[in-house]
Amino acid sequence: MTPATQQMQALLDQVLHSDCTRQRNALSSIGYRAQLAGTTPIAFLRAYFYAEFQANPLASPTEPAAPVETSPVKCGSCGKTFATQTALNGHGEARCQARLQRQPR
């Protein structure tokens, strides 16, 4: 690892969790230093974050998430039950036979 690359890593480590202005200034500096090191800022950042991810992989859940159980929803007009509120909404006024029979034409 070249001294320029080490400086870029140290700079990025310092500002990674700081305010936007410091991050923006650091990225500008990294762009300049990357040119001096003979690489591109993107190549440096890709290598940096790849190494970070390999060192600290994201924790994966140990158990799969349990499916969310919903209780059936009942139409107040005709009494028909639906698995979800969305299905009941789709049933709505246009398809509910009890509502259609009550409405005068």
PDB file of N, CA and C in Angstrom:
ATOM      1  N   MET A   1       0.845  -1.170   0.000  1.00  0.00           N
ATOM      2  CA  MET A   1       0.000   0.000   0.000  1.00  0.00           C
ATOM      3  C   MET A   1       0.895   1.238   0.000  1.00  0.00           C
ATOM      4  N   THR A   2       0.587   2.145  -0.884  1.00  0.00           N
ATOM      5  CA  THR A   2       1.414   3.344  -1.012  1.00  0.00           C
ATOM      6  C   THR A   2       1.082   4.346   0.094  1.00  0.00           C
ATOM      7  N   PRO A   3       1.993   5.279   0.366  1.00  0.00           N
ATOM      8  CA  PRO A   3       1.702   6.299   1.378  1.00  0.00           C
ATOM      9  C   PRO A   3       0.462   7.131   1.031  1.00  0.00           C
ATOM     10  N   ALA A   4       0.262   7.411  -0.256  1.00  0.00           N
ATOM     11  CA  ALA A   4      -0.920   8.179  -0.661  1.00  0.00           C
ATOM     12  C   ALA A   4      -2.199   7.405  -0.354  1.00  0.00           C
ATOM     13  N   THR A   5      -2.181   6.105  -0.589  1.00  0.00           N
ATOM     14  CA  THR A   5      -3.349   5.272  -0.294  1.00  0.00           C
ATOM     15  C   THR A   5      -3.596   5.223   1.210  1.00  0.00           C
ATOM     16  N   GLN A   6      -2.530   5.130   1.990  1.00  0.00           N
ATOM     17  CA  GLN A   6      -2.672   5.128   3.449  1.00  0.00           C
ATOM     18  C   GLN A   6      -3.263   6.449   3.939  1.00  0.00           C
ATOM     19  N   GLN A   7      -2.832   7.558   3.347  1.00  0.00           N
ATOM     20  CA  GLN A   7      -3.371   8.859   3.734  1.00  0.00           C
ATOM     21  C   GLN A   7      -4.855   8.956   3.395  1.00  0.00           C
ATOM     22  N   MET A   8      -5.225   8.432   2.226  1.00  0.00           N
ATOM     23  CA  MET A   8      -6.636   8.465   1.838  1.00  0.00           C
ATOM     24  C   MET A   8      -7.478   7.628   2.796  1.00  0.00           C
ATOM     25  N   GLN A   9      -6.971   6.460   3.178  1.00  0.00           N
ATOM     26  CA  GLN A   9      -7.713   5.612   4.113  1.00  0.00           C
ATOM     27  C   GLN A   9      -7.866   6.292   5.462  1.00  0.00           C
ATOM     28  N   ALA A  10      -6.806   6.890   5.953  1.00  0.00           N
ATOM     29  CA  ALA A  10      -6.861   7.582   7.243  1.00  0.00           C
ATOM     30  C   ALA A  10      -7.861   8.738   7.180  1.00  0.00           C
ATOM     31  N   LEU A  11      -7.847   9.469   6.098  1.00  0.00           N
ATOM     32  CA  LEU A  11      -8.762  10.592   5.924  1.00  0.00           C
ATOM     33  C   LEU A  11     -10.214  10.107   5.898  1.00  0.00           C
ATOM     34  N   LEU A  12     -10.461   9.050   5.166  1.00  0.00           N
ATOM     35  CA  LEU A  12     -11.812   8.517   5.076  1.00  0.00           C
ATOM     36  C   LEU A  12     -12.277   7.959   6.421  1.00  0.00           C
ATOM     37  N   ASP A  13     -11.387   7.302   7.150  1.00  0.00           N
ATOM     38  CA  ASP A  13     -11.727   6.787   8.476  1.00  0.00           C
ATOM     39  C   ASP A  13     -12.131   7.918   9.422  1.00  0.00           C
ATOM     40  N   GLN A  14     -11.473   9.060   9.305  1.00  0.00           N
ATOM     41  CA  GLN A  14     -11.745  10.188  10.200  1.00  0.00           C
ATOM     42  C   GLN A  14     -13.103  10.823   9.926  1.00  0.00           C
ATOM     43  N   VAL A  15     -13.499  10.914   8.680  1.00  0.00           N
ATOM     44  CA  VAL A  15     -14.690  11.693   8.345  1.00  0.00           C
ATOM     45  C   VAL A  15     -15.913  10.855   7.996  1.00  0.00           C
ATOM     46  N   LEU A  16     -15.788   9.553   8.040  1.00  0.00           N
ATOM     47  CA  LEU A  16     -16.888   8.705   7.583  1.00  0.00           C
ATOM     48  C   LEU A  16     -18.190   8.977   8.327  1.00  0.00           C
ATOM     49  N   HIS A  17     -18.107   9.227   9.615  1.00  0.00           N
ATOM     50  CA  HIS A  17     -19.316   9.454  10.418  1.00  0.00           C
ATOM     51  C   HIS A  17     -19.405  10.889  10.907  1.00  0.00           C
ATOM     52  N   SER A  18     -18.913  11.824  10.121  1.00  0.00           N
ATOM     53  CA  SER A  18     -18.974  13.234  10.507  1.00  0.00           C
ATOM     54  C   SER A  18     -19.981  13.974   9.642  1.00  0.00           C
ATOM     55  N   ASP A  19     -19.971  15.289   9.739  1.00  0.00           N
ATOM     56  CA  ASP A  19     -20.965  16.079   9.010  1.00  0.00           C
ATOM     57  C   ASP A  19     -20.661  16.113   7.508  1.00  0.00           C
ATOM     58  N   CYS A  20     -21.638  16.563   6.750  1.00  0.00           N
ATOM     59  CA  CYS A  20     -21.568  16.545   5.282  1.00  0.00           C
ATOM     60  C   CYS A  20     -20.431  17.402   4.730  1.00  0.00           C
ATOM     61  N   THR A  21     -20.180  18.528   5.349  1.00  0.00           N
ATOM     62  CA  THR A  21     -19.134  19.424   4.852  1.00  0.00           C
ATOM     63  C   THR A  21     -17.768  18.758   4.942  1.00  0.00           C
ATOM     64  N   ARG A  22     -17.483  18.131   6.059  1.00  0.00           N
ATOM     65  CA  ARG A  22     -16.190  17.436   6.209  1.00  0.00           C
ATOM     66  C   ARG A  22     -16.085  16.264   5.241  1.00  0.00           C
ATOM     67  N   GLN A  23     -17.175  15.551   5.041  1.00  0.00           N
ATOM     68  CA  GLN A  23     -17.160  14.433   4.098  1.00  0.00           C
ATOM     69  C   GLN A  23     -16.905  14.920   2.674  1.00  0.00           C
ATOM     70  N   ARG A  24     -17.578  16.001   2.302  1.00  0.00           N
ATOM     71  CA  ARG A  24     -17.399  16.556   0.961  1.00  0.00           C
ATOM     72  C   ARG A  24     -15.953  17.003   0.740  1.00  0.00           C
ATOM     73  N   ASN A  25     -15.379  17.669   1.740  1.00  0.00           N
ATOM     74  CA  ASN A  25     -13.983  18.103   1.643  1.00  0.00           C
ATOM     75  C   ASN A  25     -13.034  16.906   1.559  1.00  0.00           C
ATOM     76  N   ALA A  26     -13.324  15.872   2.327  1.00  0.00           N
ATOM     77  CA  ALA A  26     -12.483  14.679   2.304  1.00  0.00           C
ATOM     78  C   ALA A  26     -12.549  14.000   0.938  1.00  0.00           C
ATOM     79  N   LEU A  27     -13.734  13.902   0.359  1.00  0.00           N
ATOM     80  CA  LEU A  27     -13.861  13.275  -0.963  1.00  0.00           C
ATOM     81  C   LEU A  27     -13.121  14.077  -2.030  1.00  0.00           C
ATOM     82  N   SER A  28     -13.165  15.382  -1.896  1.00  0.00           N
ATOM     83  CA  SER A  28     -12.421  16.227  -2.834  1.00  0.00           C
ATOM     84  C   SER A  28     -10.918  15.965  -2.695  1.00  0.00           C
ATOM     85  N   SER A  29     -10.448  15.872  -1.462  1.00  0.00           N
ATOM     86  CA  SER A  29      -9.034  15.595  -1.205  1.00  0.00           C
ATOM     87  C   SER A  29      -8.648  14.205  -1.697  1.00  0.00           C
ATOM     88  N   ILE A  30      -9.548  13.234  -1.495  1.00  0.00           N
ATOM     89  CA  ILE A  30      -9.274  11.867  -1.948  1.00  0.00           C
ATOM     90  C   ILE A  30      -9.163  11.840  -3.465  1.00  0.00           C
ATOM     91  N   GLY A  31      -9.995  12.606  -4.158  1.00  0.00           N
ATOM     92  CA  GLY A  31      -9.901  12.678  -5.613  1.00  0.00           C
ATOM     93  C   GLY A  31      -8.538  13.159  -6.066  1.00  0.00           C
ATOM     94  N   TYR A  32      -8.039  14.202  -5.426  1.00  0.00           N
ATOM     95  CA  TYR A  32      -6.722  14.740  -5.769  1.00  0.00           C
ATOM     96  C   TYR A  32      -5.625  13.730  -5.430  1.00  0.00           C
ATOM     97  N   ARG A  33      -5.695  13.138  -4.250  1.00  0.00           N
ATOM     98  CA  ARG A  33      -4.662  12.179  -3.830  1.00  0.00           C
ATOM     99  C   ARG A  33      -4.693  10.897  -4.662  1.00  0.00           C
ATOM    100  N   ALA A  34      -5.869  10.504  -5.105  1.00  0.00           N
ATOM    101  CA  ALA A  34      -5.971   9.309  -5.945  1.00  0.00           C
ATOM    102  C   ALA A  34      -5.257   9.536  -7.272  1.00  0.00           C
ATOM    103  N   GLN A  35      -5.400  10.733  -7.840  1.00  0.00           N
ATOM    104  CA  GLN A  35      -4.686  11.048  -9.077  1.00  0.00           C
ATOM    105  C   GLN A  35      -3.183  10.970  -8.860  1.00  0.00           C
ATOM    106  N   LEU A  36      -2.708  11.479  -7.724  1.00  0.00           N
ATOM    107  CA  LEU A  36      -1.274  11.419  -7.419  1.00  0.00           C
ATOM    108  C   LEU A  36      -0.800   9.976  -7.245  1.00  0.00           C
ATOM    109  N   ALA A  37      -1.686   9.119  -6.728  1.00  0.00           N
ATOM    110  CA  ALA A  37      -1.330   7.715  -6.508  1.00  0.00           C
ATOM    111  C   ALA A  37      -1.477   6.882  -7.771  1.00  0.00           C
ATOM    112  N   GLY A  38      -2.011   7.481  -8.842  1.00  0.00           N
ATOM    113  CA  GLY A  38      -2.156   6.749 -10.099  1.00  0.00           C
ATOM    114  C   GLY A  38      -3.374   5.854 -10.142  1.00  0.00           C
ATOM    115  N   THR A  39      -4.408   6.199  -9.392  1.00  0.00           N
ATOM    116  CA  THR A  39      -5.652   5.429  -9.408  1.00  0.00           C
ATOM    117  C   THR A  39      -6.821   6.403  -9.536  1.00  0.00           C
ATOM    118  N   THR A  40      -8.006   5.871  -9.563  1.00  0.00           N
ATOM    119  CA  THR A  40      -9.189   6.729  -9.613  1.00  0.00           C
ATOM    120  C   THR A  40      -9.844   6.745  -8.231  1.00  0.00           C
ATOM    121  N   PRO A  41     -10.559   7.808  -7.905  1.00  0.00           N
ATOM    122  CA  PRO A  41     -11.244   7.839  -6.605  1.00  0.00           C
ATOM    123  C   PRO A  41     -12.237   6.682  -6.458  1.00  0.00           C
ATOM    124  N   ILE A  42     -12.915   6.341  -7.539  1.00  0.00           N
ATOM    125  CA  ILE A  42     -13.887   5.240  -7.479  1.00  0.00           C
ATOM    126  C   ILE A  42     -13.193   3.917  -7.171  1.00  0.00           C
ATOM    127  N   ALA A  43     -12.069   3.661  -7.823  1.00  0.00           N
ATOM    128  CA  ALA A  43     -11.332   2.411  -7.564  1.00  0.00           C
ATOM    129  C   ALA A  43     -10.879   2.351  -6.111  1.00  0.00           C
ATOM    130  N   PHE A  44     -10.405   3.480  -5.581  1.00  0.00           N
ATOM    131  CA  PHE A  44      -9.976   3.510  -4.179  1.00  0.00           C
ATOM    132  C   PHE A  44     -11.158   3.254  -3.252  1.00  0.00           C
ATOM    133  N   LEU A  45     -12.284   3.963  -3.478  1.00  0.00           N
ATOM    134  CA  LEU A  45     -13.449   3.802  -2.605  1.00  0.00           C
ATOM    135  C   LEU A  45     -14.022   2.391  -2.686  1.00  0.00           C
ATOM    136  N   ARG A  46     -14.037   1.821  -3.878  1.00  0.00           N
ATOM    137  CA  ARG A  46     -14.522   0.449  -4.037  1.00  0.00           C
ATOM    138  C   ARG A  46     -13.667  -0.512  -3.216  1.00  0.00           C
ATOM    139  N   ALA A  47     -12.354  -0.388  -3.326  1.00  0.00           N
ATOM    140  CA  ALA A  47     -11.447  -1.266  -2.571  1.00  0.00           C
ATOM    141  C   ALA A  47     -11.601  -1.039  -1.072  1.00  0.00           C
ATOM    142  N   TYR A  48     -11.745   0.218  -0.670  1.00  0.00           N
ATOM    143  CA  TYR A  48     -11.874   0.550   0.753  1.00  0.00           C
ATOM    144  C   TYR A  48     -13.124  -0.091   1.347  1.00  0.00           C
ATOM    145  N   PHE A  49     -14.269   0.136   0.701  1.00  0.00           N
ATOM    146  CA  PHE A  49     -15.512  -0.388   1.262  1.00  0.00           C
ATOM    147  C   PHE A  49     -15.627  -1.902   1.102  1.00  0.00           C
ATOM    148  N   TYR A  50     -15.014  -2.458   0.086  1.00  0.00           N
ATOM    149  CA  TYR A  50     -14.999  -3.914  -0.042  1.00  0.00           C
ATOM    150  C   TYR A  50     -14.221  -4.528   1.122  1.00  0.00           C
ATOM    151  N   ALA A  51     -13.077  -3.940   1.436  1.00  0.00           N
ATOM    152  CA  ALA A  51     -12.275  -4.435   2.568  1.00  0.00           C
ATOM    153  C   ALA A  51     -13.033  -4.266   3.881  1.00  0.00           C
ATOM    154  N   GLU A  52     -13.727  -3.140   4.040  1.00  0.00           N
ATOM    155  CA  GLU A  52     -14.519  -2.915   5.252  1.00  0.00           C
ATOM    156  C   GLU A  52     -15.628  -3.950   5.384  1.00  0.00           C
ATOM    157  N   PHE A  53     -16.280  -4.245   4.280  1.00  0.00           N
ATOM    158  CA  PHE A  53     -17.363  -5.219   4.317  1.00  0.00           C
ATOM    159  C   PHE A  53     -16.835  -6.613   4.638  1.00  0.00           C
ATOM    160  N   GLN A  54     -15.689  -6.960   4.061  1.00  0.00           N
ATOM    161  CA  GLN A  54     -15.111  -8.276   4.338  1.00  0.00           C
ATOM    162  C   GLN A  54     -14.707  -8.405   5.803  1.00  0.00           C
ATOM    163  N   ALA A  55     -14.245  -7.310   6.396  1.00  0.00           N
ATOM    164  CA  ALA A  55     -13.828  -7.335   7.797  1.00  0.00           C
ATOM    165  C   ALA A  55     -15.031  -7.374   8.738  1.00  0.00           C
ATOM    166  N   ASN A  56     -16.123  -6.707   8.367  1.00  0.00           N
ATOM    167  CA  ASN A  56     -17.306  -6.619   9.222  1.00  0.00           C
ATOM    168  C   ASN A  56     -18.564  -6.905   8.413  1.00  0.00           C
ATOM    169  N   PRO A  57     -18.793  -8.157   8.036  1.00  0.00           N
ATOM    170  CA  PRO A  57     -19.993  -8.445   7.228  1.00  0.00           C
ATOM    171  C   PRO A  57     -21.257  -8.145   8.031  1.00  0.00           C
ATOM    172  N   LEU A  58     -22.295  -7.796   7.325  1.00  0.00           N
ATOM    173  CA  LEU A  58     -23.566  -7.509   7.979  1.00  0.00           C
ATOM    174  C   LEU A  58     -24.098  -8.772   8.629  1.00  0.00           C
ATOM    175  N   ALA A  59     -24.675  -8.612   9.783  1.00  0.00           N
ATOM    176  CA  ALA A  59     -25.233  -9.762  10.487  1.00  0.00           C
ATOM    177  C   ALA A  59     -26.497 -10.217   9.773  1.00  0.00           C
ATOM    178  N   SER A  60     -26.578 -11.494   9.523  1.00  0.00           N
ATOM    179  CA  SER A  60     -27.783 -12.025   8.905  1.00  0.00           C
ATOM    180  C   SER A  60     -28.680 -12.581  10.003  1.00  0.00           C
ATOM    181  N   PRO A  61     -29.979 -12.531   9.817  1.00  0.00           N
ATOM    182  CA  PRO A  61     -30.870 -13.049  10.852  1.00  0.00           C
ATOM    183  C   PRO A  61     -30.666 -14.550  11.028  1.00  0.00           C
ATOM    184  N   THR A  62     -30.731 -14.998  12.265  1.00  0.00           N
ATOM    185  CA  THR A  62     -30.536 -16.416  12.541  1.00  0.00           C
ATOM    186  C   THR A  62     -31.785 -17.218  12.237  1.00  0.00           C
ATOM    187  N   GLU A  63     -32.955 -16.586  12.365  1.00  0.00           N
ATOM    188  CA  GLU A  63     -34.201 -17.273  12.080  1.00  0.00           C
ATOM    189  C   GLU A  63     -34.954 -16.499  11.012  1.00  0.00           C
ATOM    190  N   PRO A  64     -35.630 -17.193  10.118  1.00  0.00           N
ATOM    191  CA  PRO A  64     -36.435 -16.461   9.140  1.00  0.00           C
ATOM    192  C   PRO A  64     -37.588 -15.755   9.841  1.00  0.00           C
ATOM    193  N   ALA A  65     -37.976 -14.640   9.295  1.00  0.00           N
ATOM    194  CA  ALA A  65     -39.072 -13.872   9.883  1.00  0.00           C
ATOM    195  C   ALA A  65     -40.373 -14.661   9.775  1.00  0.00           C
ATOM    196  N   ALA A  66     -41.156 -14.608  10.836  1.00  0.00           N
ATOM    197  CA  ALA A  66     -42.439 -15.299  10.843  1.00  0.00           C
ATOM    198  C   ALA A  66     -43.422 -14.530   9.967  1.00  0.00           C
ATOM    199  N   PRO A  67     -44.225 -15.226   9.202  1.00  0.00           N
ATOM    200  CA  PRO A  67     -45.203 -14.519   8.375  1.00  0.00           C
ATOM    201  C   PRO A  67     -46.214 -13.791   9.248  1.00  0.00           C
ATOM    202  N   VAL A  68     -46.646 -12.650   8.778  1.00  0.00           N
ATOM    203  CA  VAL A  68     -47.631 -11.866   9.510  1.00  0.00           C
ATOM    204  C   VAL A  68     -49.002 -12.460   9.255  1.00  0.00           C
ATOM    205  N   GLU A  69     -49.688 -12.775  10.327  1.00  0.00           N
ATOM    206  CA  GLU A  69     -51.017 -13.348  10.184  1.00  0.00           C
ATOM    207  C   GLU A  69     -52.044 -12.233  10.314  1.00  0.00           C
ATOM    208  N   THR A  70     -52.960 -12.195   9.391  1.00  0.00           N
ATOM    209  CA  THR A  70     -54.025 -11.205   9.447  1.00  0.00           C
ATOM    210  C   THR A  70     -55.340 -11.919   9.662  1.00  0.00           C
ATOM    211  N   SER A  71     -56.214 -11.266  10.381  1.00  0.00           N
ATOM    212  CA  SER A  71     -57.522 -11.868  10.590  1.00  0.00           C
ATOM    213  C   SER A  71     -58.423 -11.511   9.402  1.00  0.00           C
ATOM    214  N   PRO A  72     -59.367 -12.379   9.087  1.00  0.00           N
ATOM    215  CA  PRO A  72     -60.253 -12.102   7.959  1.00  0.00           C
ATOM    216  C   PRO A  72     -61.058 -10.822   8.208  1.00  0.00           C
ATOM    217  N   VAL A  73     -61.398 -10.148   7.128  1.00  0.00           N
ATOM    218  CA  VAL A  73     -62.175  -8.917   7.184  1.00  0.00           C
ATOM    219  C   VAL A  73     -63.526  -9.204   6.568  1.00  0.00           C
ATOM    220  N   LYS A  74     -64.587  -8.747   7.227  1.00  0.00           N
ATOM    221  CA  LYS A  74     -65.948  -9.076   6.798  1.00  0.00           C
ATOM    222  C   LYS A  74     -66.642  -7.842   6.216  1.00  0.00           C
ATOM    223  N   CYS A  75     -67.340  -8.040   5.114  1.00  0.00           N
ATOM    224  CA  CYS A  75     -68.126  -6.973   4.496  1.00  0.00           C
ATOM    225  C   CYS A  75     -69.351  -6.720   5.367  1.00  0.00           C
ATOM    226  N   GLY A  76     -69.557  -5.464   5.727  1.00  0.00           N
ATOM    227  CA  GLY A  76     -70.690  -5.119   6.583  1.00  0.00           C
ATOM    228  C   GLY A  76     -72.036  -5.233   5.894  1.00  0.00           C
ATOM    229  N   SER A  77     -72.052  -5.230   4.578  1.00  0.00           N
ATOM    230  CA  SER A  77     -73.321  -5.283   3.846  1.00  0.00           C
ATOM    231  C   SER A  77     -73.777  -6.700   3.538  1.00  0.00           C
ATOM    232  N   CYS A  78     -72.877  -7.506   2.975  1.00  0.00           N
ATOM    233  CA  CYS A  78     -73.297  -8.841   2.539  1.00  0.00           C
ATOM    234  C   CYS A  78     -72.758  -9.964   3.431  1.00  0.00           C
ATOM    235  N   GLY A  79     -71.795  -9.661   4.307  1.00  0.00           N
ATOM    236  CA  GLY A  79     -71.275 -10.664   5.222  1.00  0.00           C
ATOM    237  C   GLY A  79     -70.156 -11.522   4.664  1.00  0.00           C
ATOM    238  N   LYS A  80     -69.779 -11.306   3.429  1.00  0.00           N
ATOM    239  CA  LYS A  80     -68.704 -12.083   2.818  1.00  0.00           C
ATOM    240  C   LYS A  80     -67.375 -11.723   3.488  1.00  0.00           C
ATOM    241  N   THR A  81     -66.530 -12.739   3.722  1.00  0.00           N
ATOM    242  CA  THR A  81     -65.241 -12.492   4.374  1.00  0.00           C
ATOM    243  C   THR A  81     -64.105 -12.498   3.350  1.00  0.00           C
ATOM    244  N   PHE A  82     -63.090 -11.700   3.652  1.00  0.00           N
ATOM    245  CA  PHE A  82     -61.920 -11.557   2.777  1.00  0.00           C
ATOM    246  C   PHE A  82     -60.654 -11.684   3.612  1.00  0.00           C
ATOM    247  N   ALA A  83     -59.596 -12.140   2.981  1.00  0.00           N
ATOM    248  CA  ALA A  83     -58.329 -12.358   3.686  1.00  0.00           C
ATOM    249  C   ALA A  83     -57.675 -11.041   4.100  1.00  0.00           C
ATOM    250  N   THR A  84     -57.835  -9.999   3.316  1.00  0.00           N
ATOM    251  CA  THR A  84     -57.181  -8.718   3.606  1.00  0.00           C
ATOM    252  C   THR A  84     -58.151  -7.562   3.421  1.00  0.00           C
ATOM    253  N   GLN A  85     -57.778  -6.429   3.996  1.00  0.00           N
ATOM    254  CA  GLN A  85     -58.562  -5.213   3.838  1.00  0.00           C
ATOM    255  C   GLN A  85     -58.562  -4.769   2.372  1.00  0.00           C
ATOM    256  N   THR A  86     -57.453  -4.977   1.698  1.00  0.00           N
ATOM    257  CA  THR A  86     -57.356  -4.611   0.286  1.00  0.00           C
ATOM    258  C   THR A  86     -58.368  -5.391  -0.550  1.00  0.00           C
ATOM    259  N   ALA A  87     -58.530  -6.677  -0.238  1.00  0.00           N
ATOM    260  CA  ALA A  87     -59.508  -7.490  -0.964  1.00  0.00           C
ATOM    261  C   ALA A  87     -60.924  -6.986  -0.697  1.00  0.00           C
ATOM    262  N   LEU A  88     -61.210  -6.615   0.550  1.00  0.00           N
ATOM    263  CA  LEU A  88     -62.523  -6.062   0.867  1.00  0.00           C
ATOM    264  C   LEU A  88     -62.746  -4.749   0.129  1.00  0.00           C
ATOM    265  N   ASN A  89     -61.736  -3.911   0.057  1.00  0.00           N
ATOM    266  CA  ASN A  89     -61.856  -2.645  -0.674  1.00  0.00           C
ATOM    267  C   ASN A  89     -62.140  -2.895  -2.150  1.00  0.00           C
ATOM    268  N   GLY A  90     -61.519  -3.927  -2.722  1.00  0.00           N
ATOM    269  CA  GLY A  90     -61.772  -4.274  -4.118  1.00  0.00           C
ATOM    270  C   GLY A  90     -63.187  -4.782  -4.333  1.00  0.00           C
ATOM    271  N   HIS A  91     -63.722  -5.459  -3.328  1.00  0.00           N
ATOM    272  CA  HIS A  91     -65.106  -5.954  -3.365  1.00  0.00           C
ATOM    273  C   HIS A  91     -66.043  -4.755  -3.426  1.00  0.00           C
ATOM    274  N   GLY A  92     -65.819  -3.794  -2.571  1.00  0.00           N
ATOM    275  CA  GLY A  92     -66.457  -2.495  -2.544  1.00  0.00           C
ATOM    276  C   GLY A  92     -67.877  -2.382  -3.030  1.00  0.00           C
ATOM    277  N   GLU A  93     -68.237  -1.161  -3.319  1.00  0.00           N
ATOM    278  CA  GLU A  93     -69.615  -0.859  -3.709  1.00  0.00           C
ATOM    279  C   GLU A  93     -69.981  -1.418  -5.079  1.00  0.00           C
ATOM    280  N   ALA A  94     -69.036  -1.506  -5.966  1.00  0.00           N
ATOM    281  CA  ALA A  94     -69.347  -1.940  -7.325  1.00  0.00           C
ATOM    282  C   ALA A  94     -69.693  -3.420  -7.406  1.00  0.00           C
ATOM    283  N   ARG A  95     -69.174  -4.238  -6.496  1.00  0.00           N
ATOM    284  CA  ARG A  95     -69.368  -5.687  -6.611  1.00  0.00           C
ATOM    285  C   ARG A  95     -70.237  -6.298  -5.503  1.00  0.00           C
ATOM    286  N   CYS A  96     -70.516  -5.544  -4.475  1.00  0.00           N
ATOM    287  CA  CYS A  96     -71.281  -6.087  -3.348  1.00  0.00           C
ATOM    288  C   CYS A  96     -72.746  -6.239  -3.762  1.00  0.00           C
ATOM    289  N   GLN A  97     -73.210  -7.461  -3.832  1.00  0.00           N
ATOM    290  CA  GLN A  97     -74.572  -7.740  -4.285  1.00  0.00           C
ATOM    291  C   GLN A  97     -75.612  -7.164  -3.330  1.00  0.00           C
ATOM    292  N   ALA A  98     -75.353  -7.177  -2.036  1.00  0.00           N
ATOM    293  CA  ALA A  98     -76.308  -6.635  -1.068  1.00  0.00           C
ATOM    294  C   ALA A  98     -76.490  -5.139  -1.279  1.00  0.00           C
ATOM    295  N   ARG A  99     -75.427  -4.436  -1.565  1.00  0.00           N
ATOM    296  CA  ARG A  99     -75.523  -2.991  -1.800  1.00  0.00           C
ATOM    297  C   ARG A  99     -76.241  -2.712  -3.111  1.00  0.00           C
ATOM    298  N   LEU A 100     -75.937  -3.531  -4.127  1.00  0.00           N
ATOM    299  CA  LEU A 100     -76.587  -3.334  -5.419  1.00  0.00           C
ATOM    300  C   LEU A 100     -78.102  -3.553  -5.334  1.00  0.00           C
ATOM    301  N   GLN A 101     -78.535  -4.513  -4.523  1.00  0.00           N
ATOM    302  CA  GLN A 101     -79.954  -4.808  -4.400  1.00  0.00           C
ATOM    303  C   GLN A 101     -80.696  -3.732  -3.615  1.00  0.00           C
ATOM    304  N   ARG A 102     -80.026  -3.080  -2.669  1.00  0.00           N
ATOM    305  CA  ARG A 102     -80.639  -2.039  -1.858  1.00  0.00           C
ATOM    306  C   ARG A 102     -80.786  -0.725  -2.590  1.00  0.00           C
ATOM    307  N   GLN A 103     -79.872  -0.438  -3.521  1.00  0.00           N
ATOM    308  CA  GLN A 103     -79.877   0.859  -4.187  1.00  0.00           C
ATOM    309  C   GLN A 103     -80.981   0.944  -5.222  1.00  0.00           C
ATOM    310  N   PRO A 104     -81.756   2.058  -5.198  1.00  0.00           N
ATOM    311  CA  PRO A 104     -82.763   2.221  -6.250  1.00  0.00           C
ATOM    312  C   PRO A 104     -82.104   2.576  -7.567  1.00  0.00           C
ATOM    313  N   ARG A 105     -82.694   2.127  -8.648  1.00  0.00           N
ATOM    314  CA  ARG A 105     -82.096   2.374  -9.967  1.00  0.00           C
ATOM    315  C   ARG A 105     -82.767   3.507 -10.655  1.00  0.00           C
TER     316      ARG A 105
END
